[in-house]
Amino acid sequence: MKAGVLFSGGKDSSLAAIMLARDYDVELNTCVFDPDREVPAVQAVAAALNLPFKRRVLGRDVLDEAVDLILSCGYPNDAINMVHRKAVETLLHEYEVVGDGTRREDRVPRLERSDVQRLEMTSGHSYVRPLLGYGKQEVERLAKRLFVIRYGETGTIENGDYEQEIRSAIRARGIDPAPLFPPNHQQSLVVGMRET
């Protein structure tokens, strides 16, 4: 059975993909807003993991909705969770199983139990989060054992995270996005596999 995994190219989504690949035919899916945005660094991670890759376009309307939500409430959490929900919904139209790399203490992106139940009931498909029982420290340990990882602040690393395009869209409206997001937010990008 195929499973579509939401994939940023970072350590969490890479680890989730490897875990799910034991039981499913995993396809990695990176969601972007701009149909012209390519994500070669993320595609390279997919190749390193030896898993098929798809780039999905959520569209400008979803991006505008996210930016409006951030500007109205002054923080990104609700907007990023909304985008994540739409990405999961998109994949549930194609895959019987959809997964992601959200961890136990992640607040963003994170779907609440009621959202997950609604999505599963309305689609008849499953949404799985293999890292949900793992804390940050254990994910770091496992990821370092399996992957060569590069870290950097949001915007300095070429992963497929939603935040980069959202920040650019806020900047395009003439607003500095920095005060709206947590400072010094570190992101990861898997750049290779370790020999284990």
C-alpha atoms as a PDB file:
ATOM      1  CA  MET A   1       0.000   0.000   0.000  1.00  0.00           C
ATOM      2  CA  LYS A   2       1.221   3.488  -0.858  1.00  0.00           C
ATOM      3  CA  ALA A   3       1.722   6.155   1.782  1.00  0.00           C
ATOM      4  CA  GLY A   4       2.157   9.822   0.954  1.00  0.00           C
ATOM      5  CA  VAL A   5       4.498  11.504   3.412  1.00  0.00           C
ATOM      6  CA  LEU A   6       4.625  15.281   3.823  1.00  0.00           C
ATOM      7  CA  PHE A   7       8.290  16.002   3.344  1.00  0.00           C
ATOM      8  CA  SER A   8      10.399  19.095   3.999  1.00  0.00           C
ATOM      9  CA  GLY A   9      13.762  17.370   3.551  1.00  0.00           C
ATOM     10  CA  GLY A  10      14.575  17.918   7.214  1.00  0.00           C
ATOM     11  CA  LYS A  11      15.538  15.322   9.795  1.00  0.00           C
ATOM     12  CA  ASP A  12      12.027  14.809  11.214  1.00  0.00           C
ATOM     13  CA  SER A  13      10.221  14.150   7.938  1.00  0.00           C
ATOM     14  CA  SER A  14      13.175  12.074   6.687  1.00  0.00           C
ATOM     15  CA  LEU A  15      13.123   9.907   9.804  1.00  0.00           C
ATOM     16  CA  ALA A  16       9.330   9.488   9.563  1.00  0.00           C
ATOM     17  CA  ALA A  17       9.675   8.487   5.900  1.00  0.00           C
ATOM     18  CA  ILE A  18      12.308   5.853   6.706  1.00  0.00           C
ATOM     19  CA  MET A  19      10.128   4.441   9.486  1.00  0.00           C
ATOM     20  CA  LEU A  20       7.032   4.304   7.290  1.00  0.00           C
ATOM     21  CA  ALA A  21       8.980   2.780   4.379  1.00  0.00           C
ATOM     22  CA  ARG A  22       9.298  -0.420   6.402  1.00  0.00           C
ATOM     23  CA  ASP A  23       5.553  -1.033   6.031  1.00  0.00           C
ATOM     24  CA  TYR A  24       4.395   1.075   3.067  1.00  0.00           C
ATOM     25  CA  ASP A  25       5.443   2.106  -0.430  1.00  0.00           C
ATOM     26  CA  VAL A  26       6.359   5.655   0.567  1.00  0.00           C
ATOM     27  CA  GLU A  27       6.186   8.634  -1.777  1.00  0.00           C
ATOM     28  CA  LEU A  28       7.611  11.905  -0.497  1.00  0.00           C
ATOM     29  CA  ASN A  29       5.472  15.015  -1.062  1.00  0.00           C
ATOM     30  CA  THR A  30       6.721  18.579  -0.667  1.00  0.00           C
ATOM     31  CA  CYS A  31       4.057  21.278  -0.717  1.00  0.00           C
ATOM     32  CA  VAL A  32       4.809  24.720  -2.123  1.00  0.00           C
ATOM     33  CA  PHE A  33       2.551  27.692  -2.811  1.00  0.00           C
ATOM     34  CA  ASP A  34       4.216  29.065  -5.954  1.00  0.00           C
ATOM     35  CA  PRO A  35       3.900  26.768  -8.980  1.00  0.00           C
ATOM     36  CA  ASP A  36       7.275  28.050 -10.208  1.00  0.00           C
ATOM     37  CA  ARG A  37       9.134  27.211  -6.986  1.00  0.00           C
ATOM     38  CA  GLU A  38      11.495  24.311  -7.425  1.00  0.00           C
ATOM     39  CA  VAL A  39      13.062  22.533  -4.457  1.00  0.00           C
ATOM     40  CA  PRO A  40      16.233  20.869  -5.763  1.00  0.00           C
ATOM     41  CA  ALA A  41      17.786  20.451  -2.303  1.00  0.00           C
ATOM     42  CA  VAL A  42      14.680  18.589  -1.124  1.00  0.00           C
ATOM     43  CA  GLN A  43      14.663  16.448  -4.268  1.00  0.00           C
ATOM     44  CA  ALA A  44      18.301  15.579  -3.528  1.00  0.00           C
ATOM     45  CA  VAL A  45      17.295  14.387  -0.050  1.00  0.00           C
ATOM     46  CA  ALA A  46      14.581  12.199  -1.582  1.00  0.00           C
ATOM     47  CA  ALA A  47      17.179  10.711  -3.930  1.00  0.00           C
ATOM     48  CA  ALA A  48      19.536  10.071  -0.985  1.00  0.00           C
ATOM     49  CA  LEU A  49      16.700   8.273   0.816  1.00  0.00           C
ATOM     50  CA  ASN A  50      15.964   6.366  -2.411  1.00  0.00           C
ATOM     51  CA  LEU A  51      12.282   7.295  -2.257  1.00  0.00           C
ATOM     52  CA  PRO A  52      10.070   8.774  -5.004  1.00  0.00           C
ATOM     53  CA  PHE A  53       9.379  12.508  -4.799  1.00  0.00           C
ATOM     54  CA  LYS A  54       6.433  14.733  -5.777  1.00  0.00           C
ATOM     55  CA  ARG A  55       6.171  18.505  -5.569  1.00  0.00           C
ATOM     56  CA  ARG A  56       2.623  19.661  -4.767  1.00  0.00           C
ATOM     57  CA  VAL A  57       1.292  23.163  -5.310  1.00  0.00           C
ATOM     58  CA  LEU A  58      -1.119  24.394  -2.645  1.00  0.00           C
ATOM     59  CA  GLY A  59      -1.640  27.691  -4.483  1.00  0.00           C
ATOM     60  CA  ARG A  60      -1.574  31.407  -3.929  1.00  0.00           C
ATOM     61  CA  ASP A  61      -4.994  31.449  -2.219  1.00  0.00           C
ATOM     62  CA  VAL A  62      -3.720  29.243   0.622  1.00  0.00           C
ATOM     63  CA  LEU A  63      -0.620  31.433   0.946  1.00  0.00           C
ATOM     64  CA  ASP A  64      -2.724  34.613   1.101  1.00  0.00           C
ATOM     65  CA  GLU A  65      -4.996  33.030   3.713  1.00  0.00           C
ATOM     66  CA  ALA A  66      -1.955  32.087   5.814  1.00  0.00           C
ATOM     67  CA  VAL A  67      -0.448  35.574   5.579  1.00  0.00           C
ATOM     68  CA  ASP A  68      -3.785  37.224   6.464  1.00  0.00           C
ATOM     69  CA  LEU A  69      -4.114  34.949   9.492  1.00  0.00           C
ATOM     70  CA  ILE A  70      -0.591  35.736  10.718  1.00  0.00           C
ATOM     71  CA  LEU A  71      -1.094  39.467  10.292  1.00  0.00           C
ATOM     72  CA  SER A  72      -4.452  39.411  12.068  1.00  0.00           C
ATOM     73  CA  CYS A  73      -3.281  37.468  15.137  1.00  0.00           C
ATOM     74  CA  GLY A  74       0.404  38.470  15.228  1.00  0.00           C
ATOM     75  CA  TYR A  75       1.925  34.993  15.352  1.00  0.00           C
ATOM     76  CA  PRO A  76       2.359  32.111  12.865  1.00  0.00           C
ATOM     77  CA  ASN A  77       1.054  29.033  14.711  1.00  0.00           C
ATOM     78  CA  ASP A  78      -2.581  29.037  13.534  1.00  0.00           C
ATOM     79  CA  ALA A  79      -1.584  29.836   9.957  1.00  0.00           C
ATOM     80  CA  ILE A  80       1.034  27.101   9.725  1.00  0.00           C
ATOM     81  CA  ASN A  81      -1.363  24.591  11.270  1.00  0.00           C
ATOM     82  CA  MET A  82      -4.014  25.630   8.709  1.00  0.00           C
ATOM     83  CA  VAL A  83      -1.545  25.137   5.848  1.00  0.00           C
ATOM     84  CA  HIS A  84      -0.516  21.766   7.249  1.00  0.00           C
ATOM     85  CA  ARG A  85      -4.155  20.669   7.502  1.00  0.00           C
ATOM     86  CA  LYS A  86      -4.719  21.645   3.861  1.00  0.00           C
ATOM     87  CA  ALA A  87      -1.586  19.721   2.835  1.00  0.00           C
ATOM     88  CA  VAL A  88      -2.796  16.618   4.678  1.00  0.00           C
ATOM     89  CA  GLU A  89      -6.247  16.984   3.080  1.00  0.00           C
ATOM     90  CA  THR A  90      -4.621  17.275  -0.350  1.00  0.00           C
ATOM     91  CA  LEU A  91      -2.719  14.019   0.106  1.00  0.00           C
ATOM     92  CA  LEU A  92      -5.744  12.198   1.561  1.00  0.00           C
ATOM     93  CA  HIS A  93      -7.404  12.577  -1.856  1.00  0.00           C
ATOM     94  CA  GLU A  94      -4.677  10.418  -3.400  1.00  0.00           C
ATOM     95  CA  TYR A  95      -3.287   8.143  -0.694  1.00  0.00           C
ATOM     96  CA  GLU A  96      -4.998   5.728   1.682  1.00  0.00           C
ATOM     97  CA  VAL A  97      -2.278   6.535   4.219  1.00  0.00           C
ATOM     98  CA  VAL A  98      -0.780   9.986   4.791  1.00  0.00           C
ATOM     99  CA  GLY A  99       2.084  10.611   7.192  1.00  0.00           C
ATOM    100  CA  ASP A 100       4.306  13.385   8.460  1.00  0.00           C
ATOM    101  CA  GLY A 101       7.207  13.996  10.817  1.00  0.00           C
ATOM    102  CA  THR A 102       5.494  15.761  13.687  1.00  0.00           C
ATOM    103  CA  ARG A 103       7.010  14.876  17.077  1.00  0.00           C
ATOM    104  CA  ARG A 104       5.541  14.558  20.560  1.00  0.00           C
ATOM    105  CA  GLU A 105       6.196  18.137  21.705  1.00  0.00           C
ATOM    106  CA  ASP A 106       5.719  19.901  18.389  1.00  0.00           C
ATOM    107  CA  ARG A 107       3.201  22.712  18.615  1.00  0.00           C
ATOM    108  CA  VAL A 108       3.506  23.694  14.959  1.00  0.00           C
ATOM    109  CA  PRO A 109       2.595  22.122  12.666  1.00  0.00           C
ATOM    110  CA  ARG A 110       0.288  19.958  14.711  1.00  0.00           C
ATOM    111  CA  LEU A 111      -3.232  18.770  14.102  1.00  0.00           C
ATOM    112  CA  GLU A 112      -5.451  18.249  17.124  1.00  0.00           C
ATOM    113  CA  ARG A 113      -6.986  14.851  17.771  1.00  0.00           C
ATOM    114  CA  SER A 114     -10.440  16.108  16.691  1.00  0.00           C
ATOM    115  CA  ASP A 115      -8.976  17.325  13.361  1.00  0.00           C
ATOM    116  CA  VAL A 116      -7.319  13.954  12.780  1.00  0.00           C
ATOM    117  CA  GLN A 117     -10.526  12.069  13.566  1.00  0.00           C
ATOM    118  CA  ARG A 118     -12.552  14.326  11.250  1.00  0.00           C
ATOM    119  CA  LEU A 119     -10.053  13.929   8.407  1.00  0.00           C
ATOM    120  CA  GLU A 120      -9.972  10.161   8.770  1.00  0.00           C
ATOM    121  CA  MET A 121     -13.753   9.830   9.027  1.00  0.00           C
ATOM    122  CA  THR A 122     -14.515  12.085   6.067  1.00  0.00           C
ATOM    123  CA  SER A 123     -11.836  10.593   3.793  1.00  0.00           C
ATOM    124  CA  GLY A 124     -11.942   6.967   4.927  1.00  0.00           C
ATOM    125  CA  HIS A 125      -8.136   7.074   4.916  1.00  0.00           C
ATOM    126  CA  SER A 126      -5.479   7.095   7.650  1.00  0.00           C
ATOM    127  CA  TYR A 127      -3.232   9.867   8.918  1.00  0.00           C
ATOM    128  CA  VAL A 128      -0.168   8.518  10.736  1.00  0.00           C
ATOM    129  CA  ARG A 129       2.570  10.267  12.693  1.00  0.00           C
ATOM    130  CA  PRO A 130       5.328   7.762  13.479  1.00  0.00           C
ATOM    131  CA  LEU A 131       7.340  10.254  15.563  1.00  0.00           C
ATOM    132  CA  LEU A 132       4.437  11.260  17.794  1.00  0.00           C
ATOM    133  CA  GLY A 133       5.782   9.145  20.665  1.00  0.00           C
ATOM    134  CA  TYR A 134       9.342  10.473  20.277  1.00  0.00           C
ATOM    135  CA  GLY A 135      10.753  13.529  22.001  1.00  0.00           C
ATOM    136  CA  LYS A 136      13.190  15.943  20.397  1.00  0.00           C
ATOM    137  CA  GLN A 137      16.251  14.377  22.038  1.00  0.00           C
ATOM    138  CA  GLU A 138      15.465  10.886  20.760  1.00  0.00           C
ATOM    139  CA  VAL A 139      14.656  12.146  17.252  1.00  0.00           C
ATOM    140  CA  GLU A 140      18.009  13.970  17.233  1.00  0.00           C
ATOM    141  CA  ARG A 141      19.837  10.804  18.322  1.00  0.00           C
ATOM    142  CA  LEU A 142      18.193   8.613  15.691  1.00  0.00           C
ATOM    143  CA  ALA A 143      18.580  11.212  12.947  1.00  0.00           C
ATOM    144  CA  LYS A 144      22.304  11.713  13.688  1.00  0.00           C
ATOM    145  CA  ARG A 145      22.789   7.957  13.520  1.00  0.00           C
ATOM    146  CA  LEU A 146      21.139   7.712  10.080  1.00  0.00           C
ATOM    147  CA  PHE A 147      21.710  11.046   8.329  1.00  0.00           C
ATOM    148  CA  VAL A 148      24.269  13.723   7.572  1.00  0.00           C
ATOM    149  CA  ILE A 149      22.386  16.884   8.562  1.00  0.00           C
ATOM    150  CA  ARG A 150      22.927  20.573   7.920  1.00  0.00           C
ATOM    151  CA  TYR A 151      21.322  23.154  10.217  1.00  0.00           C
ATOM    152  CA  GLY A 152      20.540  26.812   9.703  1.00  0.00           C
ATOM    153  CA  GLU A 153      18.034  29.535  10.482  1.00  0.00           C
ATOM    154  CA  THR A 154      14.799  29.671   8.531  1.00  0.00           C
ATOM    155  CA  GLY A 155      15.477  31.194   5.144  1.00  0.00           C
ATOM    156  CA  THR A 156      19.161  30.226   5.110  1.00  0.00           C
ATOM    157  CA  ILE A 157      18.496  26.563   4.457  1.00  0.00           C
ATOM    158  CA  GLU A 158      16.860  25.303   1.270  1.00  0.00           C
ATOM    159  CA  ASN A 159      14.299  22.928   2.731  1.00  0.00           C
ATOM    160  CA  GLY A 160      10.641  22.552   1.817  1.00  0.00           C
ATOM    161  CA  ASP A 161       9.215  24.110   4.985  1.00  0.00           C
ATOM    162  CA  TYR A 162       6.083  26.254   4.567  1.00  0.00           C
ATOM    163  CA  GLU A 163       7.577  29.131   6.520  1.00  0.00           C
ATOM    164  CA  GLN A 164      10.056  30.330   3.897  1.00  0.00           C
ATOM    165  CA  GLU A 165       7.385  31.194   1.323  1.00  0.00           C
ATOM    166  CA  ILE A 166       5.086  32.645   3.992  1.00  0.00           C
ATOM    167  CA  ARG A 167       7.848  34.987   5.187  1.00  0.00           C
ATOM    168  CA  SER A 168       8.516  36.081   1.592  1.00  0.00           C
ATOM    169  CA  ALA A 169       4.816  36.814   1.037  1.00  0.00           C
ATOM    170  CA  ILE A 170       4.685  38.944   4.189  1.00  0.00           C
ATOM    171  CA  ARG A 171       7.810  40.807   3.032  1.00  0.00           C
ATOM    172  CA  ALA A 172       6.128  41.363  -0.373  1.00  0.00           C
ATOM    173  CA  ARG A 173       3.351  43.220   1.457  1.00  0.00           C
ATOM    174  CA  GLY A 174       5.972  45.623   2.819  1.00  0.00           C
ATOM    175  CA  ILE A 175       6.019  44.129   6.320  1.00  0.00           C
ATOM    176  CA  ASP A 176       9.059  42.777   8.136  1.00  0.00           C
ATOM    177  CA  PRO A 177       8.167  39.164   9.050  1.00  0.00           C
ATOM    178  CA  ALA A 178      10.888  38.808  11.720  1.00  0.00           C
ATOM    179  CA  PRO A 179       8.807  40.113  14.673  1.00  0.00           C
ATOM    180  CA  LEU A 180       5.983  37.700  13.793  1.00  0.00           C
ATOM    181  CA  PHE A 181       8.094  34.534  14.055  1.00  0.00           C
ATOM    182  CA  PRO A 182      10.235  33.074  16.830  1.00  0.00           C
ATOM    183  CA  PRO A 183      13.811  34.423  16.617  1.00  0.00           C
ATOM    184  CA  ASN A 184      16.715  32.148  15.653  1.00  0.00           C
ATOM    185  CA  HIS A 185      14.442  29.295  14.552  1.00  0.00           C
ATOM    186  CA  GLN A 186      16.749  26.466  13.486  1.00  0.00           C
ATOM    187  CA  GLN A 187      15.772  24.222  10.579  1.00  0.00           C
ATOM    188  CA  SER A 188      17.441  21.113   9.238  1.00  0.00           C
ATOM    189  CA  LEU A 189      18.175  19.624   5.848  1.00  0.00           C
ATOM    190  CA  VAL A 190      19.371  16.073   5.343  1.00  0.00           C
ATOM    191  CA  VAL A 191      22.319  16.128   2.959  1.00  0.00           C
ATOM    192  CA  GLY A 192      23.124  12.423   2.917  1.00  0.00           C
ATOM    193  CA  MET A 193      22.798   9.030   4.526  1.00  0.00           C
ATOM    194  CA  ARG A 194      25.327   7.619   6.970  1.00  0.00           C
ATOM    195  CA  GLU A 195      26.600   4.106   6.493  1.00  0.00           C
ATOM    196  CA  THR A 196      25.014   2.064   9.265  1.00  0.00           C
END
